[in-house]
Amino acid sequence: TFCKGFMDLVFVQKDGDKEYYSVLDWKSNLLDKYDSQASFEAVREHYSIQMILYSYCLIQWLSSIMHKNLEDVFNENFGGIYYVFARGCMAGDNSGIYAHTWSSFERLQTDYEKVKKLMFVSRSTRRKK
């Protein structure tokens, strides 16, 4: 399979002297509902690989410009990833918004390695044909 895409927005949230960088990706999907469960299911079904890749790539990029190791960037500067289903957003409500982060860098790295392995297997399978 071929992966392509672009992060729609990388933004920073300040908390005192700390800065947390996050990915925001706009979605125009038409869902039956836009509550937290429906948004979670849509992301899990359609964007789980994208979520891992975007998060890991942001951390790699931040690591290169901040001159910190990946785990420190995750712990000190990563603010997570947000999916905003534009059709479900309503003023004064968080419907249509799904936010995610990992409990540890190790968990994200494990997920990233699984995706990388899937991509490598897919590429090597196509070469054999």
C-alpha atoms as a PDB file:
ATOM      1  CA  THR A   1       0.000   0.000   0.000  1.00  0.00           C
ATOM      2  CA  PHE A   2       0.991   3.576  -0.593  1.00  0.00           C
ATOM      3  CA  CYS A   3       0.824   6.181   2.148  1.00  0.00           C
ATOM      4  CA  LYS A   4       0.515   9.815   1.306  1.00  0.00           C
ATOM      5  CA  GLY A   5      -0.745  12.788   3.155  1.00  0.00           C
ATOM      6  CA  PHE A   6       0.089  16.076   4.730  1.00  0.00           C
ATOM      7  CA  MET A   7      -0.204  17.364   8.255  1.00  0.00           C
ATOM      8  CA  ASP A   8      -2.769  20.127   8.009  1.00  0.00           C
ATOM      9  CA  LEU A   9      -1.401  22.082  10.941  1.00  0.00           C
ATOM     10  CA  VAL A  10       1.320  21.866  13.572  1.00  0.00           C
ATOM     11  CA  PHE A  11       0.607  24.209  16.453  1.00  0.00           C
ATOM     12  CA  VAL A  12       2.201  25.076  19.768  1.00  0.00           C
ATOM     13  CA  GLN A  13       0.487  25.421  23.131  1.00  0.00           C
ATOM     14  CA  LYS A  14       2.337  27.292  25.844  1.00  0.00           C
ATOM     15  CA  ASP A  15       2.073  26.404  29.514  1.00  0.00           C
ATOM     16  CA  GLY A  16       4.318  28.726  31.481  1.00  0.00           C
ATOM     17  CA  ASP A  17       7.799  28.231  30.063  1.00  0.00           C
ATOM     18  CA  LYS A  18       6.882  24.885  28.441  1.00  0.00           C
ATOM     19  CA  GLU A  19       5.902  24.499  24.791  1.00  0.00           C
ATOM     20  CA  TYR A  20       3.863  21.556  23.533  1.00  0.00           C
ATOM     21  CA  TYR A  21       3.680  20.876  19.796  1.00  0.00           C
ATOM     22  CA  SER A  22       0.677  19.086  18.341  1.00  0.00           C
ATOM     23  CA  VAL A  23      -0.679  17.955  14.997  1.00  0.00           C
ATOM     24  CA  LEU A  24      -4.168  18.964  13.930  1.00  0.00           C
ATOM     25  CA  ASP A  25      -5.770  17.249  10.961  1.00  0.00           C
ATOM     26  CA  TRP A  26      -9.063  18.453   9.507  1.00  0.00           C
ATOM     27  CA  LYS A  27     -11.493  15.803   8.290  1.00  0.00           C
ATOM     28  CA  SER A  28     -14.590  16.294   6.174  1.00  0.00           C
ATOM     29  CA  ASN A  29     -16.021  12.813   6.703  1.00  0.00           C
ATOM     30  CA  LEU A  30     -19.767  12.522   6.930  1.00  0.00           C
ATOM     31  CA  LEU A  31     -20.425  10.504  10.100  1.00  0.00           C
ATOM     32  CA  ASP A  32     -23.772   9.396  11.522  1.00  0.00           C
ATOM     33  CA  LYS A  33     -22.825  11.071  14.814  1.00  0.00           C
ATOM     34  CA  TYR A  34     -19.941  13.232  15.964  1.00  0.00           C
ATOM     35  CA  ASP A  35     -19.781  12.345  19.652  1.00  0.00           C
ATOM     36  CA  SER A  36     -16.497  11.211  21.200  1.00  0.00           C
ATOM     37  CA  GLN A  37     -17.177   7.515  20.549  1.00  0.00           C
ATOM     38  CA  ALA A  38     -18.065   8.060  16.873  1.00  0.00           C
ATOM     39  CA  SER A  39     -14.996  10.265  16.345  1.00  0.00           C
ATOM     40  CA  PHE A  40     -12.777   7.653  18.039  1.00  0.00           C
ATOM     41  CA  GLU A  41     -14.168   4.869  15.841  1.00  0.00           C
ATOM     42  CA  ALA A  42     -13.693   6.904  12.648  1.00  0.00           C
ATOM     43  CA  VAL A  43     -10.068   7.638  13.523  1.00  0.00           C
ATOM     44  CA  ARG A  44      -9.394   4.037  14.513  1.00  0.00           C
ATOM     45  CA  GLU A  45     -10.940   2.688  11.309  1.00  0.00           C
ATOM     46  CA  HIS A  46      -9.540   5.163   8.796  1.00  0.00           C
ATOM     47  CA  TYR A  47      -6.597   7.047  10.275  1.00  0.00           C
ATOM     48  CA  SER A  48      -4.770   4.853  12.806  1.00  0.00           C
ATOM     49  CA  ILE A  49      -1.656   4.474  10.638  1.00  0.00           C
ATOM     50  CA  GLN A  50      -1.683   8.165   9.750  1.00  0.00           C
ATOM     51  CA  MET A  51      -1.944   9.050  13.447  1.00  0.00           C
ATOM     52  CA  ILE A  52       1.177   7.024  14.240  1.00  0.00           C
ATOM     53  CA  LEU A  53       3.186   8.344  11.291  1.00  0.00           C
ATOM     54  CA  TYR A  54       2.290  12.001  11.826  1.00  0.00           C
ATOM     55  CA  SER A  55       3.044  11.820  15.543  1.00  0.00           C
ATOM     56  CA  TYR A  56       6.347  10.011  15.126  1.00  0.00           C
ATOM     57  CA  CYS A  57       7.461  12.289  12.280  1.00  0.00           C
ATOM     58  CA  LEU A  58       6.656  15.415  14.293  1.00  0.00           C
ATOM     59  CA  ILE A  59       8.751  14.082  17.173  1.00  0.00           C
ATOM     60  CA  GLN A  60      11.628  13.256  14.808  1.00  0.00           C
ATOM     61  CA  TRP A  61      11.513  16.745  13.312  1.00  0.00           C
ATOM     62  CA  LEU A  62      11.368  18.426  16.728  1.00  0.00           C
ATOM     63  CA  SER A  63      14.273  16.267  17.869  1.00  0.00           C
ATOM     64  CA  SER A  64      16.378  17.450  14.936  1.00  0.00           C
ATOM     65  CA  ILE A  65      15.750  21.159  15.546  1.00  0.00           C
ATOM     66  CA  MET A  66      15.801  21.045  19.360  1.00  0.00           C
ATOM     67  CA  HIS A  67      18.860  18.787  19.528  1.00  0.00           C
ATOM     68  CA  LYS A  68      17.144  16.456  22.009  1.00  0.00           C
ATOM     69  CA  ASN A  69      16.624  12.721  21.902  1.00  0.00           C
ATOM     70  CA  LEU A  70      13.247  11.416  20.747  1.00  0.00           C
ATOM     71  CA  GLU A  71      12.065  10.310  24.175  1.00  0.00           C
ATOM     72  CA  ASP A  72      12.827  13.694  25.740  1.00  0.00           C
ATOM     73  CA  VAL A  73      10.934  15.475  22.967  1.00  0.00           C
ATOM     74  CA  PHE A  74       7.964  13.161  23.528  1.00  0.00           C
ATOM     75  CA  ASN A  75       8.004  13.714  27.294  1.00  0.00           C
ATOM     76  CA  GLU A  76       8.738  17.422  27.269  1.00  0.00           C
ATOM     77  CA  ASN A  77       7.283  18.846  24.037  1.00  0.00           C
ATOM     78  CA  PHE A  78       4.773  16.538  22.346  1.00  0.00           C
ATOM     79  CA  GLY A  79       1.184  17.676  22.766  1.00  0.00           C
ATOM     80  CA  GLY A  80      -0.562  14.871  20.890  1.00  0.00           C
ATOM     81  CA  ILE A  81      -2.607  14.717  17.723  1.00  0.00           C
ATOM     82  CA  TYR A  82      -6.066  16.135  17.096  1.00  0.00           C
ATOM     83  CA  TYR A  83      -8.584  15.093  14.458  1.00  0.00           C
ATOM     84  CA  VAL A  84     -11.282  17.671  13.840  1.00  0.00           C
ATOM     85  CA  PHE A  85     -14.331  16.479  11.928  1.00  0.00           C
ATOM     86  CA  ALA A  86     -15.427  19.843  10.544  1.00  0.00           C
ATOM     87  CA  ARG A  87     -19.017  18.772   9.866  1.00  0.00           C
ATOM     88  CA  GLY A  88     -19.468  17.840  13.519  1.00  0.00           C
ATOM     89  CA  CYS A  89     -18.030  20.922  15.218  1.00  0.00           C
ATOM     90  CA  MET A  90     -20.441  23.043  17.199  1.00  0.00           C
ATOM     91  CA  ALA A  91     -19.768  26.174  19.240  1.00  0.00           C
ATOM     92  CA  GLY A  92     -19.426  25.490  22.951  1.00  0.00           C
ATOM     93  CA  ASP A  93     -19.119  21.731  22.445  1.00  0.00           C
ATOM     94  CA  ASN A  94     -16.252  19.329  21.802  1.00  0.00           C
ATOM     95  CA  SER A  95     -18.232  17.091  19.434  1.00  0.00           C
ATOM     96  CA  GLY A  96     -16.354  16.212  16.270  1.00  0.00           C
ATOM     97  CA  ILE A  97     -12.947  16.450  17.945  1.00  0.00           C
ATOM     98  CA  TYR A  98     -10.756  13.469  18.758  1.00  0.00           C
ATOM     99  CA  ALA A  99      -7.488  13.989  20.668  1.00  0.00           C
ATOM    100  CA  HIS A 100      -4.868  11.303  21.206  1.00  0.00           C
ATOM    101  CA  THR A 101      -1.441  10.746  22.674  1.00  0.00           C
ATOM    102  CA  TRP A 102       0.428   7.689  23.911  1.00  0.00           C
ATOM    103  CA  SER A 103       1.118   6.789  27.520  1.00  0.00           C
ATOM    104  CA  SER A 104       4.845   6.634  26.759  1.00  0.00           C
ATOM    105  CA  PHE A 105       7.313   7.123  23.931  1.00  0.00           C
ATOM    106  CA  GLU A 106       8.010   3.401  24.056  1.00  0.00           C
ATOM    107  CA  ARG A 107       4.356   2.665  23.130  1.00  0.00           C
ATOM    108  CA  LEU A 108       4.472   5.103  20.212  1.00  0.00           C
ATOM    109  CA  GLN A 109       7.785   3.697  19.025  1.00  0.00           C
ATOM    110  CA  THR A 110       6.394   0.147  19.191  1.00  0.00           C
ATOM    111  CA  ASP A 111       3.392   1.215  17.090  1.00  0.00           C
ATOM    112  CA  TYR A 112       5.703   2.987  14.631  1.00  0.00           C
ATOM    113  CA  GLU A 113       7.911  -0.098  14.265  1.00  0.00           C
ATOM    114  CA  LYS A 114       4.813  -2.203  13.498  1.00  0.00           C
ATOM    115  CA  VAL A 115       3.745   0.232  10.774  1.00  0.00           C
ATOM    116  CA  LYS A 116       7.273   0.335   9.360  1.00  0.00           C
ATOM    117  CA  LYS A 117       7.373  -3.448   9.253  1.00  0.00           C
ATOM    118  CA  LEU A 118       4.002  -3.584   7.464  1.00  0.00           C
ATOM    119  CA  MET A 119       5.209  -1.078   4.900  1.00  0.00           C
ATOM    120  CA  PHE A 120       8.451  -2.987   4.330  1.00  0.00           C
ATOM    121  CA  VAL A 121       6.635  -6.326   3.959  1.00  0.00           C
ATOM    122  CA  SER A 122       4.183  -4.738   1.523  1.00  0.00           C
ATOM    123  CA  ARG A 123       7.039  -3.271  -0.551  1.00  0.00           C
ATOM    124  CA  SER A 124       9.053  -6.492  -0.642  1.00  0.00           C
ATOM    125  CA  THR A 125       5.942  -8.505  -1.596  1.00  0.00           C
ATOM    126  CA  ARG A 126       5.317  -6.214  -4.588  1.00  0.00           C
ATOM    127  CA  ARG A 127       8.936  -6.592  -5.760  1.00  0.00           C
ATOM    128  CA  LYS A 128       8.632 -10.397  -5.883  1.00  0.00           C
ATOM    129  CA  LYS A 129       5.673 -10.313  -8.274  1.00  0.00           C
END
